[in-house]
Amino acid sequence: MRLILAIIQEADVKSLLSKLIDKGYKATKLASTGGFLKAHNTTLLIGVEEEKVESALRIIKESCRKRTILDPMPPYSIGAHGEYIHMDPVEYVVGGATVFVIDAVDYSKDMEE
């Protein structure tokens, strides 16, 4: 048994969960916030059998796309001496998925005995 932890952008959650459910996967959804740009993310916990890991990863890769956003910083900033400094917006590439695949132990089978 493997556990896939997938950290994805909120914009990709609905599509990804729909595709995972259609293929018979089950996931636990956790709200999370990233440190970079304080972006709202979602962390999915997906328990899968060893032979289904590659299929699940393929679904994640197809569903979570990268996109370009503008820095939400205001166009004017105050300099060291109180003067206003015009700053051009900065573009960042965000999205995709950060994925960890780890071994998992299913203790529920032991509890049934």
PDB file of N, CA and C in Angstrom:
ATOM      1  N   MET A   1       0.852  -1.177   0.000  1.00  0.00           N
ATOM      2  CA  MET A   1       0.000   0.000   0.000  1.00  0.00           C
ATOM      3  C   MET A   1       0.892   1.233   0.000  1.00  0.00           C
ATOM      4  N   ARG A   2       0.503   2.241  -0.794  1.00  0.00           N
ATOM      5  CA  ARG A   2       1.250   3.491  -0.866  1.00  0.00           C
ATOM      6  C   ARG A   2       0.306   4.655  -0.549  1.00  0.00           C
ATOM      7  N   LEU A   3       0.891   5.719  -0.026  1.00  0.00           N
ATOM      8  CA  LEU A   3       0.136   6.932   0.243  1.00  0.00           C
ATOM      9  C   LEU A   3       0.690   8.029  -0.647  1.00  0.00           C
ATOM     10  N   ILE A   4      -0.183   8.611  -1.449  1.00  0.00           N
ATOM     11  CA  ILE A   4       0.200   9.745  -2.293  1.00  0.00           C
ATOM     12  C   ILE A   4      -0.288  11.009  -1.606  1.00  0.00           C
ATOM     13  N   LEU A   5       0.642  11.927  -1.322  1.00  0.00           N
ATOM     14  CA  LEU A   5       0.296  13.250  -0.814  1.00  0.00           C
ATOM     15  C   LEU A   5       0.491  14.207  -1.976  1.00  0.00           C
ATOM     16  N   ALA A   6      -0.573  14.812  -2.434  1.00  0.00           N
ATOM     17  CA  ALA A   6      -0.512  15.730  -3.569  1.00  0.00           C
ATOM     18  C   ALA A   6      -0.944  17.117  -3.112  1.00  0.00           C
ATOM     19  N   ILE A   7      -0.044  18.086  -3.233  1.00  0.00           N
ATOM     20  CA  ILE A   7      -0.354  19.472  -2.873  1.00  0.00           C
ATOM     21  C   ILE A   7      -0.607  20.201  -4.181  1.00  0.00           C
ATOM     22  N   ILE A   8      -1.842  20.678  -4.339  1.00  0.00           N
ATOM     23  CA  ILE A   8      -2.245  21.281  -5.606  1.00  0.00           C
ATOM     24  C   ILE A   8      -2.922  22.622  -5.366  1.00  0.00           C
ATOM     25  N   GLN A   9      -3.028  23.422  -6.428  1.00  0.00           N
ATOM     26  CA  GLN A   9      -3.713  24.703  -6.318  1.00  0.00           C
ATOM     27  C   GLN A   9      -5.205  24.489  -6.226  1.00  0.00           C
ATOM     28  N   GLU A  10      -5.864  25.352  -5.493  1.00  0.00           N
ATOM     29  CA  GLU A  10      -7.310  25.268  -5.306  1.00  0.00           C
ATOM     30  C   GLU A  10      -8.050  25.223  -6.646  1.00  0.00           C
ATOM     31  N   ALA A  11      -7.520  25.898  -7.653  1.00  0.00           N
ATOM     32  CA  ALA A  11      -8.179  25.944  -8.968  1.00  0.00           C
ATOM     33  C   ALA A  11      -8.255  24.578  -9.648  1.00  0.00           C
ATOM     34  N   ASP A  12      -7.404  23.641  -9.259  1.00  0.00           N
ATOM     35  CA  ASP A  12      -7.372  22.328  -9.905  1.00  0.00           C
ATOM     36  C   ASP A  12      -8.098  21.231  -9.134  1.00  0.00           C
ATOM     37  N   VAL A  13      -8.588  21.535  -7.950  1.00  0.00           N
ATOM     38  CA  VAL A  13      -9.144  20.508  -7.066  1.00  0.00           C
ATOM     39  C   VAL A  13     -10.364  19.813  -7.667  1.00  0.00           C
ATOM     40  N   LYS A  14     -11.332  20.579  -8.106  1.00  0.00           N
ATOM     41  CA  LYS A  14     -12.588  19.998  -8.582  1.00  0.00           C
ATOM     42  C   LYS A  14     -12.359  19.024  -9.732  1.00  0.00           C
ATOM     43  N   SER A  15     -11.582  19.451 -10.699  1.00  0.00           N
ATOM     44  CA  SER A  15     -11.303  18.604 -11.864  1.00  0.00           C
ATOM     45  C   SER A  15     -10.548  17.340 -11.464  1.00  0.00           C
ATOM     46  N   LEU A  16      -9.524  17.495 -10.625  1.00  0.00           N
ATOM     47  CA  LEU A  16      -8.724  16.343 -10.220  1.00  0.00           C
ATOM     48  C   LEU A  16      -9.558  15.344  -9.427  1.00  0.00           C
ATOM     49  N   LEU A  17     -10.306  15.813  -8.443  1.00  0.00           N
ATOM     50  CA  LEU A  17     -11.124  14.908  -7.648  1.00  0.00           C
ATOM     51  C   LEU A  17     -12.147  14.173  -8.509  1.00  0.00           C
ATOM     52  N   SER A  18     -12.734  14.872  -9.462  1.00  0.00           N
ATOM     53  CA  SER A  18     -13.699  14.245 -10.357  1.00  0.00           C
ATOM     54  C   SER A  18     -13.064  13.104 -11.151  1.00  0.00           C
ATOM     55  N   LYS A  19     -11.868  13.353 -11.687  1.00  0.00           N
ATOM     56  CA  LYS A  19     -11.174  12.325 -12.466  1.00  0.00           C
ATOM     57  C   LYS A  19     -10.738  11.153 -11.593  1.00  0.00           C
ATOM     58  N   LEU A  20     -10.269  11.438 -10.388  1.00  0.00           N
ATOM     59  CA  LEU A  20      -9.868  10.363  -9.482  1.00  0.00           C
ATOM     60  C   LEU A  20     -11.063   9.479  -9.112  1.00  0.00           C
ATOM     61  N   ILE A  21     -12.190  10.106  -8.793  1.00  0.00           N
ATOM     62  CA  ILE A  21     -13.391   9.354  -8.416  1.00  0.00           C
ATOM     63  C   ILE A  21     -13.885   8.513  -9.591  1.00  0.00           C
ATOM     64  N   ASP A  22     -13.866   9.096 -10.804  1.00  0.00           N
ATOM     65  CA  ASP A  22     -14.282   8.350 -11.999  1.00  0.00           C
ATOM     66  C   ASP A  22     -13.449   7.086 -12.199  1.00  0.00           C
ATOM     67  N   LYS A  23     -12.179   7.133 -11.797  1.00  0.00           N
ATOM     68  CA  LYS A  23     -11.282   5.981 -11.959  1.00  0.00           C
ATOM     69  C   LYS A  23     -11.264   5.070 -10.727  1.00  0.00           C
ATOM     70  N   GLY A  24     -12.106   5.353  -9.742  1.00  0.00           N
ATOM     71  CA  GLY A  24     -12.231   4.478  -8.583  1.00  0.00           C
ATOM     72  C   GLY A  24     -11.298   4.778  -7.419  1.00  0.00           C
ATOM     73  N   TYR A  25     -10.608   5.911  -7.460  1.00  0.00           N
ATOM     74  CA  TYR A  25      -9.733   6.294  -6.346  1.00  0.00           C
ATOM     75  C   TYR A  25     -10.541   7.054  -5.304  1.00  0.00           C
ATOM     76  N   LYS A  26     -10.096   6.970  -4.073  1.00  0.00           N
ATOM     77  CA  LYS A  26     -10.703   7.729  -2.985  1.00  0.00           C
ATOM     78  C   LYS A  26      -9.624   8.634  -2.406  1.00  0.00           C
ATOM     79  N   ALA A  27     -10.035   9.833  -1.999  1.00  0.00           N
ATOM     80  CA  ALA A  27      -9.056  10.793  -1.487  1.00  0.00           C
ATOM     81  C   ALA A  27      -9.636  11.548  -0.307  1.00  0.00           C
ATOM     82  N   THR A  28      -8.765  11.947   0.593  1.00  0.00           N
ATOM     83  CA  THR A  28      -9.128  12.836   1.693  1.00  0.00           C
ATOM     84  C   THR A  28      -8.578  14.206   1.351  1.00  0.00           C
ATOM     85  N   LYS A  29      -9.425  15.214   1.414  1.00  0.00           N
ATOM     86  CA  LYS A  29      -9.055  16.581   1.022  1.00  0.00           C
ATOM     87  C   LYS A  29      -8.786  17.410   2.272  1.00  0.00           C
ATOM     88  N   LEU A  30      -7.609  18.049   2.305  1.00  0.00           N
ATOM     89  CA  LEU A  30      -7.235  18.929   3.410  1.00  0.00           C
ATOM     90  C   LEU A  30      -6.929  20.319   2.855  1.00  0.00           C
ATOM     91  N   ALA A  31      -7.524  21.355   3.437  1.00  0.00           N
ATOM     92  CA  ALA A  31      -7.191  22.724   3.037  1.00  0.00           C
ATOM     93  C   ALA A  31      -5.815  23.061   3.581  1.00  0.00           C
ATOM     94  N   SER A  32      -5.008  23.747   2.784  1.00  0.00           N
ATOM     95  CA  SER A  32      -3.680  24.149   3.224  1.00  0.00           C
ATOM     96  C   SER A  32      -3.317  25.479   2.580  1.00  0.00           C
ATOM     97  N   THR A  33      -2.355  26.166   3.162  1.00  0.00           N
ATOM     98  CA  THR A  33      -1.905  27.447   2.632  1.00  0.00           C
ATOM     99  C   THR A  33      -0.401  27.390   2.441  1.00  0.00           C
ATOM    100  N   GLY A  34       0.033  27.779   1.258  1.00  0.00           N
ATOM    101  CA  GLY A  34       1.462  27.771   0.967  1.00  0.00           C
ATOM    102  C   GLY A  34       2.139  29.020   1.491  1.00  0.00           C
ATOM    103  N   GLY A  35       3.432  28.942   1.706  1.00  0.00           N
ATOM    104  CA  GLY A  35       4.192  30.089   2.174  1.00  0.00           C
ATOM    105  C   GLY A  35       4.471  31.075   1.066  1.00  0.00           C
ATOM    106  N   PHE A  36       4.641  30.593  -0.162  1.00  0.00           N
ATOM    107  CA  PHE A  36       4.953  31.465  -1.288  1.00  0.00           C
ATOM    108  C   PHE A  36       3.669  32.104  -1.793  1.00  0.00           C
ATOM    109  N   LEU A  37       3.578  33.409  -1.773  1.00  0.00           N
ATOM    110  CA  LEU A  37       2.414  34.188  -2.179  1.00  0.00           C
ATOM    111  C   LEU A  37       1.173  33.876  -1.331  1.00  0.00           C
ATOM    112  N   LYS A  38       1.334  33.153  -0.243  1.00  0.00           N
ATOM    113  CA  LYS A  38       0.235  32.786   0.642  1.00  0.00           C
ATOM    114  C   LYS A  38      -0.939  32.199  -0.145  1.00  0.00           C
ATOM    115  N   ALA A  39      -0.611  31.369  -1.111  1.00  0.00           N
ATOM    116  CA  ALA A  39      -1.618  30.782  -1.995  1.00  0.00           C
ATOM    117  C   ALA A  39      -2.442  29.734  -1.269  1.00  0.00           C
ATOM    118  N   HIS A  40      -3.730  29.682  -1.605  1.00  0.00           N
ATOM    119  CA  HIS A  40      -4.599  28.650  -1.062  1.00  0.00           C
ATOM    120  C   HIS A  40      -4.384  27.374  -1.849  1.00  0.00           C
ATOM    121  N   ASN A  41      -4.015  26.334  -1.157  1.00  0.00           N
ATOM    122  CA  ASN A  41      -3.751  25.044  -1.770  1.00  0.00           C
ATOM    123  C   ASN A  41      -4.671  24.011  -1.165  1.00  0.00           C
ATOM    124  N   THR A  42      -4.632  22.847  -1.748  1.00  0.00           N
ATOM    125  CA  THR A  42      -5.325  21.695  -1.186  1.00  0.00           C
ATOM    126  C   THR A  42      -4.337  20.554  -1.163  1.00  0.00           C
ATOM    127  N   THR A  43      -4.325  19.820  -0.066  1.00  0.00           N
ATOM    128  CA  THR A  43      -3.503  18.625   0.030  1.00  0.00           C
ATOM    129  C   THR A  43      -4.431  17.426  -0.021  1.00  0.00           C
ATOM    130  N   LEU A  44      -4.178  16.537  -0.961  1.00  0.00           N
ATOM    131  CA  LEU A  44      -4.970  15.317  -1.083  1.00  0.00           C
ATOM    132  C   LEU A  44      -4.168  14.146  -0.554  1.00  0.00           C
ATOM    133  N   LEU A  45      -4.811  13.302   0.241  1.00  0.00           N
ATOM    134  CA  LEU A  45      -4.228  12.060   0.721  1.00  0.00           C
ATOM    135  C   LEU A  45      -4.929  10.942  -0.044  1.00  0.00           C
ATOM    136  N   ILE A  46      -4.159  10.187  -0.826  1.00  0.00           N
ATOM    137  CA  ILE A  46      -4.734   9.159  -1.676  1.00  0.00           C
ATOM    138  C   ILE A  46      -4.038   7.838  -1.375  1.00  0.00           C
ATOM    139  N   GLY A  47      -4.774   6.906  -0.813  1.00  0.00           N
ATOM    140  CA  GLY A  47      -4.219   5.587  -0.539  1.00  0.00           C
ATOM    141  C   GLY A  47      -4.433   4.684  -1.749  1.00  0.00           C
ATOM    142  N   VAL A  48      -3.344   4.092  -2.273  1.00  0.00           N
ATOM    143  CA  VAL A  48      -3.467   3.246  -3.463  1.00  0.00           C
ATOM    144  C   VAL A  48      -2.601   2.000  -3.323  1.00  0.00           C
ATOM    145  N   GLU A  49      -3.011   0.969  -4.026  1.00  0.00           N
ATOM    146  CA  GLU A  49      -2.193  -0.232  -4.103  1.00  0.00           C
ATOM    147  C   GLU A  49      -0.986   0.068  -4.993  1.00  0.00           C
ATOM    148  N   GLU A  50       0.087  -0.648  -4.759  1.00  0.00           N
ATOM    149  CA  GLU A  50       1.353  -0.430  -5.474  1.00  0.00           C
ATOM    150  C   GLU A  50       1.172  -0.358  -6.991  1.00  0.00           C
ATOM    151  N   GLU A  51       0.384  -1.256  -7.538  1.00  0.00           N
ATOM    152  CA  GLU A  51       0.230  -1.336  -8.997  1.00  0.00           C
ATOM    153  C   GLU A  51      -0.603  -0.195  -9.590  1.00  0.00           C
ATOM    154  N   LYS A  52      -1.258   0.609  -8.742  1.00  0.00           N
ATOM    155  CA  LYS A  52      -2.080   1.721  -9.232  1.00  0.00           C
ATOM    156  C   LYS A  52      -1.420   3.086  -9.053  1.00  0.00           C
ATOM    157  N   VAL A  53      -0.215   3.124  -8.505  1.00  0.00           N
ATOM    158  CA  VAL A  53       0.462   4.395  -8.233  1.00  0.00           C
ATOM    159  C   VAL A  53       0.702   5.184  -9.523  1.00  0.00           C
ATOM    160  N   GLU A  54       1.259   4.536 -10.550  1.00  0.00           N
ATOM    161  CA  GLU A  54       1.580   5.248 -11.796  1.00  0.00           C
ATOM    162  C   GLU A  54       0.334   5.817 -12.462  1.00  0.00           C
ATOM    163  N   SER A  55      -0.758   5.067 -12.424  1.00  0.00           N
ATOM    164  CA  SER A  55      -2.009   5.546 -13.004  1.00  0.00           C
ATOM    165  C   SER A  55      -2.515   6.783 -12.264  1.00  0.00           C
ATOM    166  N   ALA A  56      -2.461   6.767 -10.937  1.00  0.00           N
ATOM    167  CA  ALA A  56      -2.890   7.917 -10.140  1.00  0.00           C
ATOM    168  C   ALA A  56      -2.003   9.132 -10.401  1.00  0.00           C
ATOM    169  N   LEU A  57      -0.699   8.907 -10.501  1.00  0.00           N
ATOM    170  CA  LEU A  57       0.223  10.021 -10.785  1.00  0.00           C
ATOM    171  C   LEU A  57      -0.047  10.629 -12.158  1.00  0.00           C
ATOM    172  N   ARG A  58      -0.398   9.805 -13.118  1.00  0.00           N
ATOM    173  CA  ARG A  58      -0.707  10.292 -14.466  1.00  0.00           C
ATOM    174  C   ARG A  58      -1.950  11.194 -14.431  1.00  0.00           C
ATOM    175  N   ILE A  59      -2.958  10.797 -13.666  1.00  0.00           N
ATOM    176  CA  ILE A  59      -4.172  11.606 -13.534  1.00  0.00           C
ATOM    177  C   ILE A  59      -3.843  12.955 -12.888  1.00  0.00           C
ATOM    178  N   ILE A  60      -3.010  12.942 -11.871  1.00  0.00           N
ATOM    179  CA  ILE A  60      -2.609  14.183 -11.205  1.00  0.00           C
ATOM    180  C   ILE A  60      -1.871  15.093 -12.188  1.00  0.00           C
ATOM    181  N   LYS A  61      -0.941  14.527 -12.936  1.00  0.00           N
ATOM    182  CA  LYS A  61      -0.156  15.324 -13.883  1.00  0.00           C
ATOM    183  C   LYS A  61      -1.039  15.942 -14.965  1.00  0.00           C
ATOM    184  N   GLU A  62      -2.011  15.194 -15.448  1.00  0.00           N
ATOM    185  CA  GLU A  62      -2.904  15.694 -16.499  1.00  0.00           C
ATOM    186  C   GLU A  62      -3.867  16.764 -15.984  1.00  0.00           C
ATOM    187  N   SER A  63      -4.191  16.720 -14.697  1.00  0.00           N
ATOM    188  CA  SER A  63      -5.220  17.605 -14.141  1.00  0.00           C
ATOM    189  C   SER A  63      -4.682  18.896 -13.537  1.00  0.00           C
ATOM    190  N   CYS A  64      -3.433  18.916 -13.144  1.00  0.00           N
ATOM    191  CA  CYS A  64      -2.872  20.067 -12.426  1.00  0.00           C
ATOM    192  C   CYS A  64      -1.903  20.803 -13.332  1.00  0.00           C
ATOM    193  N   ARG A  65      -2.373  21.894 -13.912  1.00  0.00           N
ATOM    194  CA  ARG A  65      -1.550  22.622 -14.874  1.00  0.00           C
ATOM    195  C   ARG A  65      -0.871  23.831 -14.231  1.00  0.00           C
ATOM    196  N   LYS A  66       0.205  24.238 -14.848  1.00  0.00           N
ATOM    197  CA  LYS A  66       0.898  25.453 -14.397  1.00  0.00           C
ATOM    198  C   LYS A  66       0.248  26.652 -15.072  1.00  0.00           C
ATOM    199  N   ARG A  67       0.280  27.787 -14.379  1.00  0.00           N
ATOM    200  CA  ARG A  67      -0.268  29.024 -14.934  1.00  0.00           C
ATOM    201  C   ARG A  67       0.577  30.200 -14.461  1.00  0.00           C
ATOM    202  N   THR A  68       0.490  31.296 -15.169  1.00  0.00           N
ATOM    203  CA  THR A  68       1.246  32.500 -14.830  1.00  0.00           C
ATOM    204  C   THR A  68       0.310  33.477 -14.126  1.00  0.00           C
ATOM    205  N   ILE A  69       0.765  34.044 -13.011  1.00  0.00           N
ATOM    206  CA  ILE A  69      -0.015  35.055 -12.302  1.00  0.00           C
ATOM    207  C   ILE A  69       0.845  36.289 -12.084  1.00  0.00           C
ATOM    208  N   LEU A  70       0.191  37.404 -11.841  1.00  0.00           N
ATOM    209  CA  LEU A  70       0.897  38.643 -11.512  1.00  0.00           C
ATOM    210  C   LEU A  70       0.999  38.763 -10.003  1.00  0.00           C
ATOM    211  N   ASP A  71       2.124  39.277  -9.538  1.00  0.00           N
ATOM    212  CA  ASP A  71       2.341  39.501  -8.108  1.00  0.00           C
ATOM    213  C   ASP A  71       1.261  40.456  -7.598  1.00  0.00           C
ATOM    214  N   PRO A  72       0.591  40.129  -6.502  1.00  0.00           N
ATOM    215  CA  PRO A  72      -0.468  40.992  -5.984  1.00  0.00           C
ATOM    216  C   PRO A  72       0.037  42.267  -5.298  1.00  0.00           C
ATOM    217  N   MET A  73       1.363  42.491  -5.314  1.00  0.00           N
ATOM    218  CA  MET A  73       1.940  43.683  -4.690  1.00  0.00           C
ATOM    219  C   MET A  73       1.373  44.931  -5.379  1.00  0.00           C
ATOM    220  N   PRO A  74       1.037  45.985  -4.601  1.00  0.00           N
ATOM    221  CA  PRO A  74       0.539  47.208  -5.237  1.00  0.00           C
ATOM    222  C   PRO A  74       1.595  47.795  -6.181  1.00  0.00           C
ATOM    223  N   PRO A  75       1.148  48.506  -7.222  1.00  0.00           N
ATOM    224  CA  PRO A  75       2.107  49.028  -8.206  1.00  0.00           C
ATOM    225  C   PRO A  75       3.034  50.103  -7.656  1.00  0.00           C
ATOM    226  N   TYR A  76       2.691  50.689  -6.496  1.00  0.00           N
ATOM    227  CA  TYR A  76       3.560  51.693  -5.901  1.00  0.00           C
ATOM    228  C   TYR A  76       3.992  51.215  -4.523  1.00  0.00           C
ATOM    229  N   SER A  77       5.207  51.509  -4.179  1.00  0.00           N
ATOM    230  CA  SER A  77       5.742  51.109  -2.890  1.00  0.00           C
ATOM    231  C   SER A  77       6.454  52.312  -2.283  1.00  0.00           C
ATOM    232  N   ILE A  78       6.587  52.340  -0.978  1.00  0.00           N
ATOM    233  CA  ILE A  78       7.254  53.459  -0.307  1.00  0.00           C
ATOM    234  C   ILE A  78       8.720  53.098  -0.100  1.00  0.00           C
ATOM    235  N   GLY A  79       9.602  53.969  -0.555  1.00  0.00           N
ATOM    236  CA  GLY A  79      11.034  53.750  -0.428  1.00  0.00           C
ATOM    237  C   GLY A  79      11.536  54.082   0.970  1.00  0.00           C
ATOM    238  N   ALA A  80      12.838  53.965   1.179  1.00  0.00           N
ATOM    239  CA  ALA A  80      13.457  54.175   2.489  1.00  0.00           C
ATOM    240  C   ALA A  80      13.276  55.603   3.003  1.00  0.00           C
ATOM    241  N   HIS A  81      13.131  56.561   2.108  1.00  0.00           N
ATOM    242  CA  HIS A  81      13.031  57.970   2.510  1.00  0.00           C
ATOM    243  C   HIS A  81      11.611  58.500   2.361  1.00  0.00           C
ATOM    244  N   GLY A  82      10.631  57.615   2.264  1.00  0.00           N
ATOM    245  CA  GLY A  82       9.237  58.027   2.194  1.00  0.00           C
ATOM    246  C   GLY A  82       8.739  58.344   0.793  1.00  0.00           C
ATOM    247  N   GLU A  83       9.592  58.219  -0.197  1.00  0.00           N
ATOM    248  CA  GLU A  83       9.161  58.517  -1.565  1.00  0.00           C
ATOM    249  C   GLU A  83       8.447  57.298  -2.166  1.00  0.00           C
ATOM    250  N   TYR A  84       7.572  57.579  -3.115  1.00  0.00           N
ATOM    251  CA  TYR A  84       6.879  56.488  -3.800  1.00  0.00           C
ATOM    252  C   TYR A  84       7.748  55.964  -4.936  1.00  0.00           C
ATOM    253  N   ILE A  85       7.841  54.680  -5.028  1.00  0.00           N
ATOM    254  CA  ILE A  85       8.621  54.040  -6.087  1.00  0.00           C
ATOM    255  C   ILE A  85       7.667  53.190  -6.904  1.00  0.00           C
ATOM    256  N   HIS A  86       7.634  53.452  -8.199  1.00  0.00           N
ATOM    257  CA  HIS A  86       6.788  52.632  -9.070  1.00  0.00           C
ATOM    258  C   HIS A  86       7.492  51.296  -9.318  1.00  0.00           C
ATOM    259  N   MET A  87       6.738  50.217  -9.139  1.00  0.00           N
ATOM    260  CA  MET A  87       7.296  48.892  -9.390  1.00  0.00           C
ATOM    261  C   MET A  87       6.424  48.193 -10.421  1.00  0.00           C
ATOM    262  N   ASP A  88       7.044  47.665 -11.457  1.00  0.00           N
ATOM    263  CA  ASP A  88       6.294  46.915 -12.452  1.00  0.00           C
ATOM    264  C   ASP A  88       5.823  45.596 -11.852  1.00  0.00           C
ATOM    265  N   PRO A  89       4.637  45.139 -12.261  1.00  0.00           N
ATOM    266  CA  PRO A  89       4.167  43.844 -11.761  1.00  0.00           C
ATOM    267  C   PRO A  89       5.152  42.733 -12.130  1.00  0.00           C
ATOM    268  N   VAL A  90       5.226  41.740 -11.286  1.00  0.00           N
ATOM    269  CA  VAL A  90       6.127  40.622 -11.511  1.00  0.00           C
ATOM    270  C   VAL A  90       5.281  39.377 -11.772  1.00  0.00           C
ATOM    271  N   GLU A  91       5.625  38.652 -12.824  1.00  0.00           N
ATOM    272  CA  GLU A  91       4.906  37.425 -13.137  1.00  0.00           C
ATOM    273  C   GLU A  91       5.582  36.228 -12.479  1.00  0.00           C
ATOM    274  N   TYR A  92       4.753  35.302 -11.969  1.00  0.00           N
ATOM    275  CA  TYR A  92       5.245  34.067 -11.382  1.00  0.00           C
ATOM    276  C   TYR A  92       4.524  32.896 -12.026  1.00  0.00           C
ATOM    277  N   VAL A  93       5.222  31.804 -12.166  1.00  0.00           N
ATOM    278  CA  VAL A  93       4.594  30.567 -12.616  1.00  0.00           C
ATOM    279  C   VAL A  93       4.206  29.772 -11.381  1.00  0.00           C
ATOM    280  N   VAL A  94       2.922  29.437 -11.278  1.00  0.00           N
ATOM    281  CA  VAL A  94       2.410  28.664 -10.150  1.00  0.00           C
ATOM    282  C   VAL A  94       1.629  27.471 -10.691  1.00  0.00           C
ATOM    283  N   GLY A  95       1.284  26.596  -9.819  1.00  0.00           N
ATOM    284  CA  GLY A  95       0.451  25.470 -10.224  1.00  0.00           C
ATOM    285  C   GLY A  95       1.243  24.195 -10.359  1.00  0.00           C
ATOM    286  N   GLY A  96       0.664  23.273 -11.113  1.00  0.00           N
ATOM    287  CA  GLY A  96       1.252  21.948 -11.160  1.00  0.00           C
ATOM    288  C   GLY A  96       0.914  21.245  -9.860  1.00  0.00           C
ATOM    289  N   ALA A  97       1.737  20.343  -9.461  1.00  0.00           N
ATOM    290  CA  ALA A  97       1.491  19.616  -8.212  1.00  0.00           C
ATOM    291  C   ALA A  97       2.823  19.254  -7.573  1.00  0.00           C
ATOM    292  N   THR A  98       2.838  19.291  -6.259  1.00  0.00           N
ATOM    293  CA  THR A  98       3.959  18.756  -5.505  1.00  0.00           C
ATOM    294  C   THR A  98       3.469  17.446  -4.925  1.00  0.00           C
ATOM    295  N   VAL A  99       4.148  16.351  -5.274  1.00  0.00           N
ATOM    296  CA  VAL A  99       3.648  15.026  -4.923  1.00  0.00           C
ATOM    297  C   VAL A  99       4.706  14.229  -4.171  1.00  0.00           C
ATOM    298  N   PHE A 100       4.261  13.574  -3.106  1.00  0.00           N
ATOM    299  CA  PHE A 100       5.103  12.661  -2.347  1.00  0.00           C
ATOM    300  C   PHE A 100       4.420  11.298  -2.366  1.00  0.00           C
ATOM    301  N   VAL A 101       5.182  10.254  -2.624  1.00  0.00           N
ATOM    302  CA  VAL A 101       4.654   8.891  -2.568  1.00  0.00           C
ATOM    303  C   VAL A 101       5.438   8.155  -1.493  1.00  0.00           C
ATOM    304  N   ILE A 102       4.716   7.688  -0.478  1.00  0.00           N
ATOM    305  CA  ILE A 102       5.390   7.028   0.641  1.00  0.00           C
ATOM    306  C   ILE A 102       4.726   5.678   0.927  1.00  0.00           C
ATOM    307  N   ASP A 103       5.474   4.796   1.549  1.00  0.00           N
ATOM    308  CA  ASP A 103       4.923   3.508   1.961  1.00  0.00           C
ATOM    309  C   ASP A 103       3.894   3.742   3.056  1.00  0.00           C
ATOM    310  N   ALA A 104       2.832   2.969   3.017  1.00  0.00           N
ATOM    311  CA  ALA A 104       1.796   3.069   4.045  1.00  0.00           C
ATOM    312  C   ALA A 104       1.476   1.671   4.551  1.00  0.00           C
ATOM    313  N   VAL A 105       1.106   1.605   5.800  1.00  0.00           N
ATOM    314  CA  VAL A 105       0.732   0.338   6.415  1.00  0.00           C
ATOM    315  C   VAL A 105      -0.750   0.383   6.717  1.00  0.00           C
ATOM    316  N   ASP A 106      -1.469  -0.630   6.308  1.00  0.00           N
ATOM    317  CA  ASP A 106      -2.914  -0.704   6.545  1.00  0.00           C
ATOM    318  C   ASP A 106      -3.153  -1.522   7.807  1.00  0.00           C
ATOM    319  N   TYR A 107      -3.324  -0.825   8.923  1.00  0.00           N
ATOM    320  CA  TYR A 107      -3.540  -1.502  10.207  1.00  0.00           C
ATOM    321  C   TYR A 107      -4.979  -1.972  10.366  1.00  0.00           C
ATOM    322  N   SER A 108      -5.882  -1.504   9.518  1.00  0.00           N
ATOM    323  CA  SER A 108      -7.287  -1.890   9.664  1.00  0.00           C
ATOM    324  C   SER A 108      -7.464  -3.396   9.463  1.00  0.00           C
ATOM    325  N   LYS A 109      -6.633  -4.026   8.656  1.00  0.00           N
ATOM    326  CA  LYS A 109      -6.715  -5.469   8.440  1.00  0.00           C
ATOM    327  C   LYS A 109      -6.387  -6.219   9.734  1.00  0.00           C
ATOM    328  N   ASP A 110      -5.409  -5.699  10.503  1.00  0.00           N
ATOM    329  CA  ASP A 110      -5.050  -6.321  11.771  1.00  0.00           C
ATOM    330  C   ASP A 110      -6.160  -6.150  12.807  1.00  0.00           C
ATOM    331  N   MET A 111      -6.898  -5.061  12.737  1.00  0.00           N
ATOM    332  CA  MET A 111      -7.940  -4.777  13.703  1.00  0.00           C
ATOM    333  C   MET A 111      -9.161  -5.691  13.527  1.00  0.00           C
ATOM    334  N   GLU A 112      -9.375  -6.170  12.314  1.00  0.00           N
ATOM    335  CA  GLU A 112     -10.524  -7.019  12.033  1.00  0.00           C
ATOM    336  C   GLU A 112     -10.372  -8.399  12.664  1.00  0.00           C
ATOM    337  N   GLU A 113      -9.157  -8.814  12.924  1.00  0.00           N
ATOM    338  CA  GLU A 113      -8.914 -10.166  13.459  1.00  0.00           C
ATOM    339  C   GLU A 113      -9.173 -10.252  14.939  1.00  0.00           C
TER     340      GLU A 113
END
